[in-house]
Protein backbone atom coordinates (compact mmCIF):
# COMPACT_ATOMS: atom_id res chain seq x y z
CA UNK A 1 25.33 14.18 1.47
CA UNK A 2 27.85 15.34 -1.12
CA UNK A 3 26.03 16.75 -4.10
CA UNK A 4 27.43 18.24 -7.34
CA UNK A 5 25.15 20.63 -9.20
CA UNK A 6 22.51 18.87 -11.28
CA UNK A 7 23.95 15.34 -11.22
CA UNK A 8 22.71 12.62 -13.57
CA UNK A 9 19.97 10.85 -11.59
CA UNK A 10 20.94 7.19 -11.22
CA UNK A 11 18.34 4.43 -11.01
CA UNK A 12 19.30 3.81 -7.39
CA UNK A 13 18.80 7.47 -6.44
CA UNK A 14 15.41 7.46 -8.17
CA UNK A 15 14.44 4.28 -6.34
CA UNK A 16 15.34 5.90 -3.02
CA UNK A 17 13.35 9.01 -3.78
CA UNK A 18 10.35 7.10 -5.05
CA UNK A 19 10.31 4.85 -1.99
CA UNK A 20 10.47 7.84 0.31
CA UNK A 21 7.83 9.87 -1.47
CA UNK A 22 5.42 7.55 -3.26
CA UNK A 23 3.02 4.91 -2.04
CA UNK A 24 4.42 1.42 -2.46
CA UNK A 25 3.49 0.00 -5.81
CA UNK A 26 1.43 3.06 -6.82
CA UNK A 27 1.55 4.09 -10.50
CA UNK A 28 3.42 7.31 -11.16
CA UNK A 29 0.27 9.22 -11.99
CA UNK A 30 -1.34 8.10 -8.71
CA UNK A 31 1.66 8.76 -6.45
CA UNK A 32 0.89 9.38 -2.82
CA UNK A 33 2.91 11.85 -0.79
CA UNK A 34 2.59 10.13 2.57
CA UNK A 35 5.23 7.61 3.61
CA UNK A 36 4.23 4.10 2.50
CA UNK A 37 2.20 2.60 5.34
CA UNK A 38 4.52 3.96 7.99
CA UNK A 39 2.66 7.01 9.21
CA UNK A 40 2.17 10.60 8.21
CA UNK A 41 5.39 12.38 7.15
CA UNK A 42 4.65 15.43 9.25
CA UNK A 43 4.29 13.34 12.40
CA UNK A 44 6.78 14.15 15.13
CA UNK A 45 6.70 10.52 16.26
CA UNK A 46 9.01 9.04 13.61
CA UNK A 47 10.54 6.51 16.02
CA UNK A 48 13.52 4.17 15.61
CA UNK A 49 11.57 1.02 14.60
CA UNK A 50 9.61 3.01 12.00
CA UNK A 51 12.78 4.51 10.56
CA UNK A 52 14.39 1.06 10.27
CA UNK A 53 11.31 -0.36 8.53
CA UNK A 54 11.36 2.49 6.04
CA UNK A 55 15.08 1.89 5.41
CA UNK A 56 14.46 -1.81 4.78
CA UNK A 57 11.63 -0.95 2.40
CA UNK A 58 13.95 1.28 0.37
CA UNK A 59 16.78 -1.28 0.41
CA UNK A 60 14.50 -3.98 -0.99
CA UNK A 61 14.22 -1.84 -4.11
CA UNK A 62 17.90 -0.91 -4.22
CA UNK A 63 19.36 -4.43 -3.85
CA UNK A 64 17.65 -5.67 -7.01
CA UNK A 65 18.71 -2.62 -9.02
CA UNK A 66 21.43 -3.09 -11.68
CA UNK A 67 23.36 -0.15 -10.21
CA UNK A 68 23.67 -1.89 -6.83
CA UNK A 69 27.25 -3.26 -6.78
CA UNK A 70 28.50 -6.18 -4.70
CA UNK A 71 32.18 -6.31 -5.59
CA UNK A 72 33.72 -8.37 -2.74
CA UNK A 73 37.13 -6.69 -2.88
CA UNK A 74 35.86 -3.10 -2.97
CA UNK A 75 33.16 -3.79 -0.41
CA UNK A 76 35.67 -5.38 1.97
CA UNK A 77 37.91 -2.31 1.68
CA UNK A 78 35.00 0.05 2.29
CA UNK A 79 33.87 -2.04 5.27
CA UNK A 80 37.40 -1.81 6.70
CA UNK A 81 36.95 1.97 6.90
CA UNK A 82 33.28 1.96 7.90
CA UNK A 83 33.51 -0.47 10.84
CA UNK A 84 36.09 1.55 12.84
CA UNK A 85 33.95 4.66 12.34
CA UNK A 86 30.84 2.92 13.70
CA UNK A 87 32.84 1.59 16.66
CA UNK A 88 34.25 5.06 17.30
CA UNK A 89 30.76 6.60 17.24
CA UNK A 90 29.64 4.02 19.80
CA UNK A 91 32.57 4.79 22.11
CA UNK A 92 31.88 8.53 21.81
CA UNK A 93 28.25 7.95 22.79
CA UNK A 94 26.81 9.10 19.44
CA UNK A 95 25.01 5.78 18.98
CA UNK A 96 22.32 5.05 21.54
CA UNK A 97 21.58 1.57 22.83
CA UNK A 98 18.32 1.55 20.90
CA UNK A 99 19.80 2.53 17.53
CA UNK A 100 22.82 0.26 18.10
CA UNK A 101 20.52 -2.75 18.23
CA UNK A 102 17.83 -1.74 15.75
CA UNK A 103 19.70 0.10 12.97
CA UNK A 104 21.48 -1.84 10.22
CA UNK A 105 24.77 0.12 10.12
CA UNK A 106 25.19 -1.24 6.60
CA UNK A 107 27.26 0.33 3.84
CA UNK A 108 26.83 -0.47 0.16
CA UNK A 109 28.15 0.51 -3.28
CA UNK A 110 26.35 2.23 -6.15
CA UNK A 111 27.56 2.19 -9.75
CA UNK A 112 27.58 5.91 -10.47
CA UNK A 113 30.32 8.22 -11.73
CA UNK A 114 29.26 11.20 -9.63
CA UNK A 115 31.15 12.16 -6.47
CA UNK A 116 28.52 11.39 -3.88
CA UNK A 117 27.43 9.39 -0.86
CA UNK A 118 24.08 9.36 0.93
CA UNK A 119 22.48 8.18 4.15
CA UNK A 120 19.13 6.38 4.24
CA UNK A 121 16.71 5.81 7.11
CA UNK A 122 17.62 3.01 9.48
CA UNK A 123 21.41 3.11 9.23
CA UNK A 124 22.03 2.35 5.54
CA UNK A 125 24.71 4.38 3.75
CA UNK A 126 25.34 4.30 -0.01
CA UNK A 127 28.66 5.22 -1.64
CA UNK A 128 29.05 6.05 -5.32
CA UNK A 129 32.00 4.41 -7.06
CA UNK A 130 32.83 7.85 -8.45
CA UNK A 131 33.57 9.06 -4.91
CA UNK A 132 36.07 6.26 -4.26
CA UNK A 133 37.67 6.82 -7.67
CA UNK A 134 38.50 10.47 -6.98
CA UNK A 135 39.97 10.09 -3.48
CA UNK A 136 43.72 9.61 -2.94
CA UNK A 137 43.70 8.24 0.62
CA UNK A 138 41.56 6.19 2.95
CA UNK A 139 41.46 9.24 5.25
CA UNK A 140 39.64 11.30 2.62
CA UNK A 141 37.12 8.51 2.15
CA UNK A 142 36.78 8.15 5.94
CA UNK A 143 35.89 11.84 6.20
CA UNK A 144 32.91 11.34 3.87
CA UNK A 145 31.79 8.13 5.56
CA UNK A 146 32.10 9.80 8.97
CA UNK A 147 29.93 12.65 7.70
CA UNK A 148 27.23 10.30 6.40
CA UNK A 149 27.42 8.17 9.55
CA UNK A 150 26.76 11.31 11.59
CA UNK A 151 23.60 12.00 9.58
CA UNK A 152 22.43 8.62 10.88
CA UNK A 153 23.61 8.94 14.48
CA UNK A 154 22.14 12.45 14.81
CA UNK A 155 18.83 11.16 13.37
CA UNK A 156 18.83 13.88 10.73
CA UNK A 157 16.55 11.92 8.41
CA UNK A 158 13.92 11.43 11.10
CA UNK A 159 14.19 15.07 12.16
CA UNK A 160 13.84 16.24 8.57
CA UNK A 161 10.84 14.02 7.85
CA UNK A 162 9.15 15.06 11.08
CA UNK A 163 9.90 18.73 10.41
CA UNK A 164 8.88 18.89 6.76
CA UNK A 165 5.43 20.14 5.96
CA UNK A 166 3.07 18.43 3.54
CA UNK A 167 3.60 21.26 1.07
CA UNK A 168 7.37 20.77 0.98
CA UNK A 169 6.89 17.06 0.39
CA UNK A 170 4.51 17.86 -2.46
CA UNK A 171 7.17 20.08 -4.02
CA UNK A 172 9.81 17.39 -3.63
CA UNK A 173 7.46 14.75 -4.99
CA UNK A 174 6.92 16.90 -8.07
CA UNK A 175 10.68 17.13 -8.53
CA UNK A 176 11.14 13.36 -8.25
CA UNK A 177 8.26 12.71 -10.64
CA UNK A 178 10.01 14.99 -13.13
CA UNK A 179 13.29 13.15 -12.63
CA UNK A 180 11.67 9.78 -13.26
CA UNK A 181 10.04 11.08 -16.43
CA UNK A 182 13.36 12.60 -17.54
CA UNK A 183 15.19 9.36 -16.81
CA UNK A 184 12.74 7.39 -18.94
CA UNK A 185 12.96 9.97 -21.73
CA UNK A 186 16.78 10.19 -21.51
CA UNK A 187 16.57 14.00 -21.36
CA UNK A 188 19.25 15.84 -19.36
CA UNK A 189 17.53 19.20 -19.92
CA UNK A 190 14.28 17.83 -18.54
CA UNK A 191 16.11 16.47 -15.48
CA UNK A 192 17.76 19.82 -14.82
CA UNK A 193 14.44 21.62 -15.17
CA UNK A 194 12.83 19.20 -12.71
CA UNK A 195 15.56 19.79 -10.15
CA UNK A 196 15.43 23.57 -10.53
CA UNK A 197 11.66 23.56 -10.27
CA UNK A 198 11.73 21.38 -7.18
CA UNK A 199 14.35 23.55 -5.53
CA UNK A 200 12.40 26.69 -6.28
CA UNK A 201 9.31 25.17 -4.66
CA UNK A 202 11.15 24.14 -1.48
CA UNK A 203 10.83 26.35 1.57
CA UNK A 204 13.80 28.55 2.50
CA UNK A 205 13.48 27.56 6.15
CA UNK A 206 13.77 23.88 5.22
CA UNK A 207 16.96 24.58 3.27
CA UNK A 208 18.44 26.44 6.23
CA UNK A 209 17.59 23.50 8.45
CA UNK A 210 19.48 21.22 6.04
CA UNK A 211 22.55 23.49 6.08
CA UNK A 212 22.61 23.29 9.87
CA UNK A 213 22.44 19.52 9.63
CA UNK A 214 25.35 19.47 7.18
CA UNK A 215 27.47 21.59 9.52
CA UNK A 216 26.60 19.30 12.41
CA UNK A 217 27.49 16.22 10.35
CA UNK A 218 30.85 17.81 9.46
CA UNK A 219 31.63 18.57 13.10
CA UNK A 220 30.48 15.23 14.54
CA UNK A 221 31.99 13.30 11.62
CA UNK A 222 35.38 14.96 12.15
CA UNK A 223 35.42 13.88 15.80
CA UNK A 224 34.41 10.34 14.85
CA UNK A 225 37.06 9.91 12.14
CA UNK A 226 39.92 11.29 14.22
CA UNK A 227 38.85 9.24 17.24
CA UNK A 228 38.89 6.16 14.96
CA UNK A 229 42.54 6.82 14.08
CA UNK A 230 42.21 8.42 10.64
CA UNK A 231 44.31 11.44 9.70
CA UNK A 232 42.50 14.71 10.45
CA UNK A 233 43.82 16.21 7.22
CA UNK A 234 41.55 13.85 5.28
CA UNK A 235 38.51 16.09 5.70
CA UNK A 236 40.08 19.36 4.55
CA UNK A 237 41.86 17.68 1.62
CA UNK A 238 38.58 16.03 0.60
CA UNK A 239 36.76 19.36 0.56
CA UNK A 240 39.61 20.91 -1.45
CA UNK A 241 39.37 18.07 -3.96
CA UNK A 242 35.59 18.60 -4.21
CA UNK A 243 36.11 22.31 -4.82
CA UNK A 244 38.54 21.56 -7.65
CA UNK A 245 36.07 19.08 -9.16
CA UNK A 246 33.14 21.50 -9.02
CA UNK A 247 34.65 24.92 -9.71
CA UNK A 248 33.99 24.77 -13.45
CA UNK A 249 30.30 24.01 -12.84
CA UNK A 250 29.76 26.11 -9.72
CA UNK A 251 29.94 29.92 -9.71
CA UNK A 252 29.45 30.11 -5.94
CA UNK A 253 26.48 32.47 -6.24
CA UNK A 254 23.48 32.51 -3.90
CA UNK A 255 24.86 30.34 -1.07
CA UNK A 256 21.75 31.00 1.03
CA UNK A 257 19.66 29.00 -1.47
CA UNK A 258 21.80 25.91 -1.03
CA UNK A 259 20.99 22.88 1.11
CA UNK A 260 24.72 22.50 1.87
CA UNK A 261 27.25 25.04 3.12
CA UNK A 262 29.62 26.37 0.45
CA UNK A 263 32.60 24.08 -0.06
CA UNK A 264 34.99 26.97 0.66
CA UNK A 265 33.19 27.51 3.98
CA UNK A 266 33.54 23.82 4.84
CA UNK A 267 37.25 23.90 3.92
CA UNK A 268 37.78 26.77 6.34
CA UNK A 269 35.93 24.99 9.14
CA UNK A 270 37.91 21.79 8.52
CA UNK A 271 41.20 23.66 8.64
CA UNK A 272 40.24 25.26 11.95
CA UNK A 273 39.51 21.84 13.42
CA UNK A 274 42.77 20.53 11.96
CA UNK A 275 44.73 22.90 14.16
CA UNK A 276 43.48 21.20 17.32
CA UNK A 277 43.82 17.60 16.12
CA UNK A 278 46.76 15.23 16.50
CA UNK A 279 48.85 15.11 13.33
CA UNK A 280 48.83 11.71 11.61
CA UNK A 281 50.32 10.85 8.25
CA UNK A 282 48.04 9.16 5.70
CA UNK A 283 48.54 5.38 5.63
CA UNK A 284 47.85 2.63 3.12
CA UNK A 285 48.28 4.88 0.08
CA UNK A 286 49.32 2.02 -2.23
CA UNK A 287 46.28 -0.11 -1.40
CA UNK A 288 43.96 2.88 -1.72
CA UNK A 289 45.40 3.76 -5.13
CA UNK A 290 44.50 0.26 -6.32
CA UNK A 291 41.00 0.41 -4.84
CA UNK A 292 40.37 3.84 -6.41
CA UNK A 293 41.53 2.43 -9.75
CA UNK A 294 39.18 -0.55 -9.40
CA UNK A 295 36.27 1.80 -8.69
CA UNK A 296 37.23 3.86 -11.75
CA UNK A 297 36.88 0.81 -14.00
CA UNK A 298 33.68 -0.55 -12.43
CA UNK A 299 31.82 2.76 -12.20
CA UNK A 300 31.32 3.01 -15.96
CA UNK A 301 30.80 -0.31 -17.80
CA UNK A 302 30.73 1.16 -21.31
CA UNK A 303 33.19 -0.39 -23.77
CA UNK A 304 34.47 3.01 -24.91
CA UNK A 305 35.37 3.92 -21.33
CA UNK A 306 37.22 0.65 -20.79
CA UNK A 307 39.07 1.17 -24.07
CA UNK A 308 40.34 4.52 -22.77
CA UNK A 309 41.32 3.03 -19.40
CA UNK A 310 43.29 0.29 -21.15
CA UNK A 311 45.81 2.94 -22.12
CA UNK A 312 45.70 4.87 -18.86
CA UNK A 313 49.12 3.58 -17.84
CA UNK A 314 50.75 4.77 -21.08
CA UNK A 315 50.69 8.40 -19.97
CA UNK A 316 51.53 7.42 -16.41
CA UNK A 317 54.90 5.97 -17.43
CA UNK A 318 56.22 9.52 -17.84
CA UNK A 319 55.60 10.14 -14.11
CA UNK A 320 58.40 7.83 -12.97
CA UNK A 321 60.99 9.33 -10.63
CA UNK A 322 58.80 12.37 -9.89
CA UNK A 323 58.10 11.55 -6.26
CA UNK A 324 56.20 8.93 -4.31
CA UNK A 325 52.79 10.56 -4.80
CA UNK A 326 53.19 10.27 -8.56
CA UNK A 327 54.32 6.69 -8.02
CA UNK A 328 51.00 5.83 -6.36
CA UNK A 329 49.19 7.54 -9.23
CA UNK A 330 51.15 5.40 -11.69
CA UNK A 331 50.43 2.25 -9.67
CA UNK A 332 46.71 2.94 -9.87
CA UNK A 333 46.93 3.68 -13.59
CA UNK A 334 48.56 0.31 -14.27
CA UNK A 335 45.97 -1.54 -12.19
CA UNK A 336 43.14 0.25 -14.03
CA UNK A 337 44.73 -0.63 -17.38
CA UNK A 338 44.99 -4.30 -16.36
CA UNK A 339 41.40 -4.58 -15.10
CA UNK A 340 39.97 -2.70 -18.09
CA UNK A 341 41.92 -5.02 -20.40
CA UNK A 342 40.38 -8.03 -18.64
CA UNK A 343 36.91 -6.54 -19.18
CA UNK A 344 37.78 -6.01 -22.87
CA UNK A 345 39.17 -9.57 -23.10
CA UNK A 346 42.57 -8.29 -24.16
CA UNK A 347 44.40 -10.75 -21.93
CA UNK A 348 48.00 -10.21 -23.16
CA UNK A 349 47.56 -6.48 -22.52
CA UNK A 350 46.10 -7.22 -19.08
CA UNK A 351 49.01 -9.49 -18.17
CA UNK A 352 51.55 -6.89 -19.26
CA UNK A 353 49.85 -4.15 -17.21
CA UNK A 354 49.62 -6.43 -14.17
CA UNK A 355 53.32 -7.29 -14.27
CA UNK A 356 54.09 -3.59 -14.66
CA UNK A 357 51.96 -2.81 -11.58
CA UNK A 358 53.80 -5.44 -9.55
CA UNK A 359 57.14 -3.91 -10.54
CA UNK A 360 55.86 -0.44 -9.67
CA UNK A 361 54.74 -1.61 -6.24
CA UNK A 362 58.19 -3.02 -5.53
CA UNK A 363 59.83 0.26 -6.57
CA UNK A 364 57.57 2.01 -4.02
CA UNK A 365 58.94 -0.20 -1.26
CA UNK A 366 56.34 -2.95 -1.35
CA UNK A 367 53.14 -3.22 0.67
CA UNK A 368 51.56 -6.50 1.80
CA UNK A 369 47.96 -5.35 1.49
CA UNK A 370 48.55 -3.82 -1.94
CA UNK A 371 50.30 -7.01 -3.07
CA UNK A 372 47.24 -8.96 -1.90
CA UNK A 373 45.05 -6.85 -4.20
CA UNK A 374 47.38 -7.60 -7.12
CA UNK A 375 47.26 -11.33 -6.31
CA UNK A 376 43.47 -11.24 -6.58
CA UNK A 377 43.75 -9.40 -9.90
CA UNK A 378 46.02 -12.19 -11.13
CA UNK A 379 43.37 -14.76 -10.15
CA UNK A 380 40.69 -12.64 -11.86
CA UNK A 381 42.74 -12.64 -15.06
CA UNK A 382 43.21 -16.42 -14.90
CA UNK A 383 39.48 -16.95 -14.32
CA UNK A 384 38.64 -14.78 -17.35
CA UNK A 385 41.04 -16.90 -19.40
CA UNK A 386 39.41 -20.06 -18.02
CA UNK A 387 42.75 -21.18 -16.57
CA UNK A 388 41.75 -22.44 -13.13
CA UNK A 389 45.19 -23.85 -12.26
CA UNK A 390 46.84 -20.49 -12.95
CA UNK A 391 44.20 -18.82 -10.77
CA UNK A 392 44.87 -21.13 -7.83
CA UNK A 393 48.60 -20.44 -8.26
CA UNK A 394 47.97 -16.67 -8.16
CA UNK A 395 46.17 -17.12 -4.83
CA UNK A 396 48.87 -19.35 -3.34
CA UNK A 397 50.64 -16.44 -1.54
CA UNK A 398 47.34 -15.93 0.32
CA UNK A 399 47.03 -19.56 1.45
CA UNK A 400 45.17 -19.79 4.73
CA UNK A 401 43.05 -16.68 4.16
CA UNK A 402 39.37 -17.27 4.96
CA UNK A 403 37.87 -13.99 3.76
CA UNK A 404 34.69 -13.56 1.74
CA UNK A 405 36.84 -12.25 -1.10
CA UNK A 406 38.82 -15.51 -1.18
CA UNK A 407 35.65 -17.60 -1.00
CA UNK A 408 34.04 -15.80 -3.93
CA UNK A 409 37.22 -15.86 -6.02
CA UNK A 410 37.76 -19.60 -5.53
CA UNK A 411 34.10 -20.22 -6.42
CA UNK A 412 34.63 -18.25 -9.64
CA UNK A 413 37.69 -20.35 -10.45
CA UNK A 414 35.74 -23.53 -9.78
CA UNK A 415 33.27 -22.49 -12.48
CA UNK A 416 36.05 -22.79 -15.10
CA UNK A 417 37.69 -25.85 -13.50
CA UNK A 418 37.15 -29.09 -15.46
CA UNK A 419 37.73 -31.19 -12.33
CA UNK A 420 34.30 -32.13 -10.80
CA UNK A 421 35.96 -32.79 -7.45
CA UNK A 422 37.19 -29.18 -7.27
CA UNK A 423 33.75 -27.89 -8.24
CA UNK A 424 32.05 -30.01 -5.57
CA UNK A 425 34.57 -28.89 -2.95
CA UNK A 426 33.83 -25.24 -3.78
CA UNK A 427 30.07 -25.87 -3.69
CA UNK A 428 30.18 -27.59 -0.31
CA UNK A 429 32.42 -24.88 1.13
CA UNK A 430 30.03 -22.22 -0.12
CA UNK A 431 27.02 -24.17 1.19
CA UNK A 432 28.56 -24.12 4.66
CA UNK A 433 29.19 -20.37 4.34
CA UNK A 434 25.59 -19.50 3.36
CA UNK A 435 24.24 -21.60 6.22
CA UNK A 436 25.94 -19.05 8.49
CA UNK A 437 25.46 -16.00 6.22
CA UNK A 438 22.02 -16.52 4.74
CA UNK A 439 21.63 -12.87 3.65
CA UNK A 440 24.54 -12.98 1.18
CA UNK A 441 22.80 -12.82 -2.21
CA UNK A 442 26.06 -12.98 -4.19
CA UNK A 443 27.13 -16.18 -2.42
CA UNK A 444 23.75 -17.81 -3.10
CA UNK A 445 23.93 -16.83 -6.79
CA UNK A 446 27.41 -18.29 -7.07
CA UNK A 447 26.27 -21.46 -5.30
CA UNK A 448 23.36 -21.80 -7.74
CA UNK A 449 25.81 -21.78 -10.64
CA UNK A 450 28.03 -24.39 -9.00
CA UNK A 451 25.14 -26.78 -8.28
CA UNK A 452 23.89 -26.32 -11.82
CA UNK A 453 27.35 -27.22 -13.16
CA UNK A 454 27.33 -30.34 -10.99
CA UNK A 455 23.98 -31.42 -12.41
CA UNK A 456 21.98 -30.69 -9.25
CA UNK A 457 19.02 -28.67 -10.63
CA UNK A 458 16.91 -28.82 -7.47
CA UNK A 459 19.71 -27.43 -5.33
CA UNK A 460 20.44 -24.82 -7.98
CA UNK A 461 16.81 -23.62 -8.04
CA UNK A 462 16.70 -23.47 -4.26
CA UNK A 463 19.90 -21.38 -4.23
CA UNK A 464 18.40 -19.05 -6.85
CA UNK A 465 15.35 -18.57 -4.64
CA UNK A 466 17.50 -17.90 -1.60
CA UNK A 467 19.52 -15.36 -3.59
CA UNK A 468 16.37 -13.42 -4.45
CA UNK A 469 15.15 -13.62 -0.87
CA UNK A 470 18.50 -12.29 0.38
CA UNK A 471 18.21 -9.38 -2.06
CA UNK A 472 14.73 -8.59 -0.73
CA UNK A 473 12.82 -9.81 -3.80
CA UNK A 474 10.34 -12.02 -1.96
CA UNK A 475 8.05 -12.27 -4.98
CA UNK A 476 10.91 -13.61 -7.11
CA UNK A 477 12.07 -15.95 -4.33
CA UNK A 478 8.61 -17.43 -3.92
CA UNK A 479 8.30 -17.97 -7.68
CA UNK A 480 11.65 -19.79 -7.83
CA UNK A 481 10.85 -22.02 -4.84
CA UNK A 482 7.47 -22.88 -6.30
CA UNK A 483 9.20 -23.96 -9.51
CA UNK A 484 11.53 -26.01 -7.30
CA UNK A 485 8.54 -27.81 -5.78
CA UNK A 486 7.25 -28.63 -9.26
CA UNK A 487 10.70 -29.91 -10.18
CA UNK A 488 10.78 -32.07 -7.03
CA UNK A 489 7.86 -34.15 -8.32
CA UNK A 490 10.23 -35.90 -10.69
CA UNK A 491 11.08 -39.56 -10.07
CA UNK A 492 14.76 -38.97 -9.28
CA UNK A 493 14.35 -35.76 -7.25
CA UNK A 494 16.13 -35.35 -3.93
CA UNK A 495 13.26 -35.52 -1.43
CA UNK A 496 15.35 -34.08 1.40
CA UNK A 497 16.04 -31.00 -0.69
CA UNK A 498 12.36 -30.91 -1.66
CA UNK A 499 11.32 -30.80 2.00
CA UNK A 500 13.78 -27.94 2.63
CA UNK A 501 12.28 -26.02 -0.30
CA UNK A 502 8.76 -26.62 0.99
CA UNK A 503 9.66 -25.34 4.46
CA UNK A 504 11.41 -22.23 3.08
CA UNK A 505 8.49 -21.49 0.80
CA UNK A 506 6.09 -21.51 3.75
CA UNK A 507 8.42 -19.18 5.69
CA UNK A 508 8.70 -16.71 2.81
CA UNK A 509 4.95 -16.70 2.21
CA UNK A 510 4.47 -15.81 5.88
CA UNK A 511 7.09 -13.03 5.64
CA UNK A 512 5.35 -11.59 2.59
CA UNK A 513 1.99 -11.56 4.38
CA UNK A 514 3.58 -9.72 7.30
CA UNK A 515 5.15 -7.10 5.04
CA UNK A 516 1.92 -6.57 3.15
CA UNK A 517 0.16 -6.08 6.49
CA UNK A 518 2.67 -3.34 7.35
CA UNK A 519 2.23 -1.66 3.96
CA UNK A 520 -1.57 -1.88 4.03
CA UNK A 521 -2.66 -1.68 7.69
CA UNK A 522 -6.31 -1.43 6.61
CA UNK A 523 -6.08 -4.54 4.45
CA UNK A 524 -4.21 -5.25 1.24
CA UNK A 525 -6.19 -4.90 -2.02
CA UNK A 526 -6.84 -8.11 -3.99
CA UNK A 527 -3.74 -9.37 -5.79
CA UNK A 528 -1.41 -6.97 -3.95
CA UNK A 529 2.28 -7.88 -4.05
CA UNK A 530 5.45 -6.34 -2.74
CA UNK A 531 7.04 -3.73 -5.04
């Protein structure tokens, strides 16, 4: 895990820590240190099924968090880097048959400005938008994802949980409790004190064990990323970028008290490995510049930040004719200015920045994948302006594409389309998609809006329930489906849809009983619900 000193604790990070350390649903003052209904944390028998169940339990809390980001375009780009790494790890034999089948191997985005990524039990890996925003190539990003993937394949989480003593968990639990209190109070000083106190209470041997794991993840991750076809230089350049980002906050003192090796040490190791690797030039720099710019806008939704990003391309104009690298920087600046202007509803400014980005891309020699990203930005601008026809026209160069990104964008355009036939076509297309991809919460939410626009309240309520179920909020899903059943008692209700809702409700009630049985093996207390 990449970790700057004393980062601002995001809600997602706190949810992860609380799920790992506290009993499910327990009040803060009554927190339990043992893992929630999954066995004692000091047990050496933390097997694969148990690890996956713990990961799912954490993800149920993360997916409903406001900082959990499902941006189809960014997620597709991240998945395009992640999937080759997973396949490479399988070919290298790092992924066993058991973990290949039972682990999720799922990557997700977190709205956070810090430069970080983290692995969770069961094959889930989170990536902060701040990490994507600061990288300049897909190879740098691949080096981080390869590192986090290796934490999973080497079962570092299971080994750490099995190796930690009860006392070290108590110390960590105290730290997390302090972080939660600091987060609620909005106190940075309190958060820093909680982290320092927790670190002081941790055992030195445990920290050394973590440093060994980090070195192993670097080594294994390097082999995975180069085997997957990414440039070996990505890892050393990423560490150098981290060192530049942290040097003002990090004096480099007391490296033996750290849970990670010093960045300078990791740079040296990466350079040594670089000498034995095949030299490959970074590829896809234009597309990555656009994706990093998109992450920069989405990672901080404050109006003052967007106002600053609106003018990001103004300073970048002076970089023209200073080399291709500066050209990619300028391309990203213009994209960020366009997207931030859309968020601020300054549509003329957004259109101007978008046209400028298109011209910049052509001056760099053009790139089909980067042009695709700009086409989607044009459709996003048209949708914000409620100009559906202009949005369809922006997507015309991508005619024939059947990606999730296209599906979601066309559904968004249908929401501002006055033609009921176009809205129904989008709804039916999306209904077919979710029948094959039932765990896509964003698609279900979009479908709910489309059915509501078409005056189909029963279908809309069912889609809302399915969206909550896909996100892991079974309590919310059951509530929505129950309201759907009440709605179905009306004279004109669609009885076929009512029977579907009834069947799904029974299924979800059974799933909730099973999960409660796992959480409370000795019997759930009266009125117990999932957290």
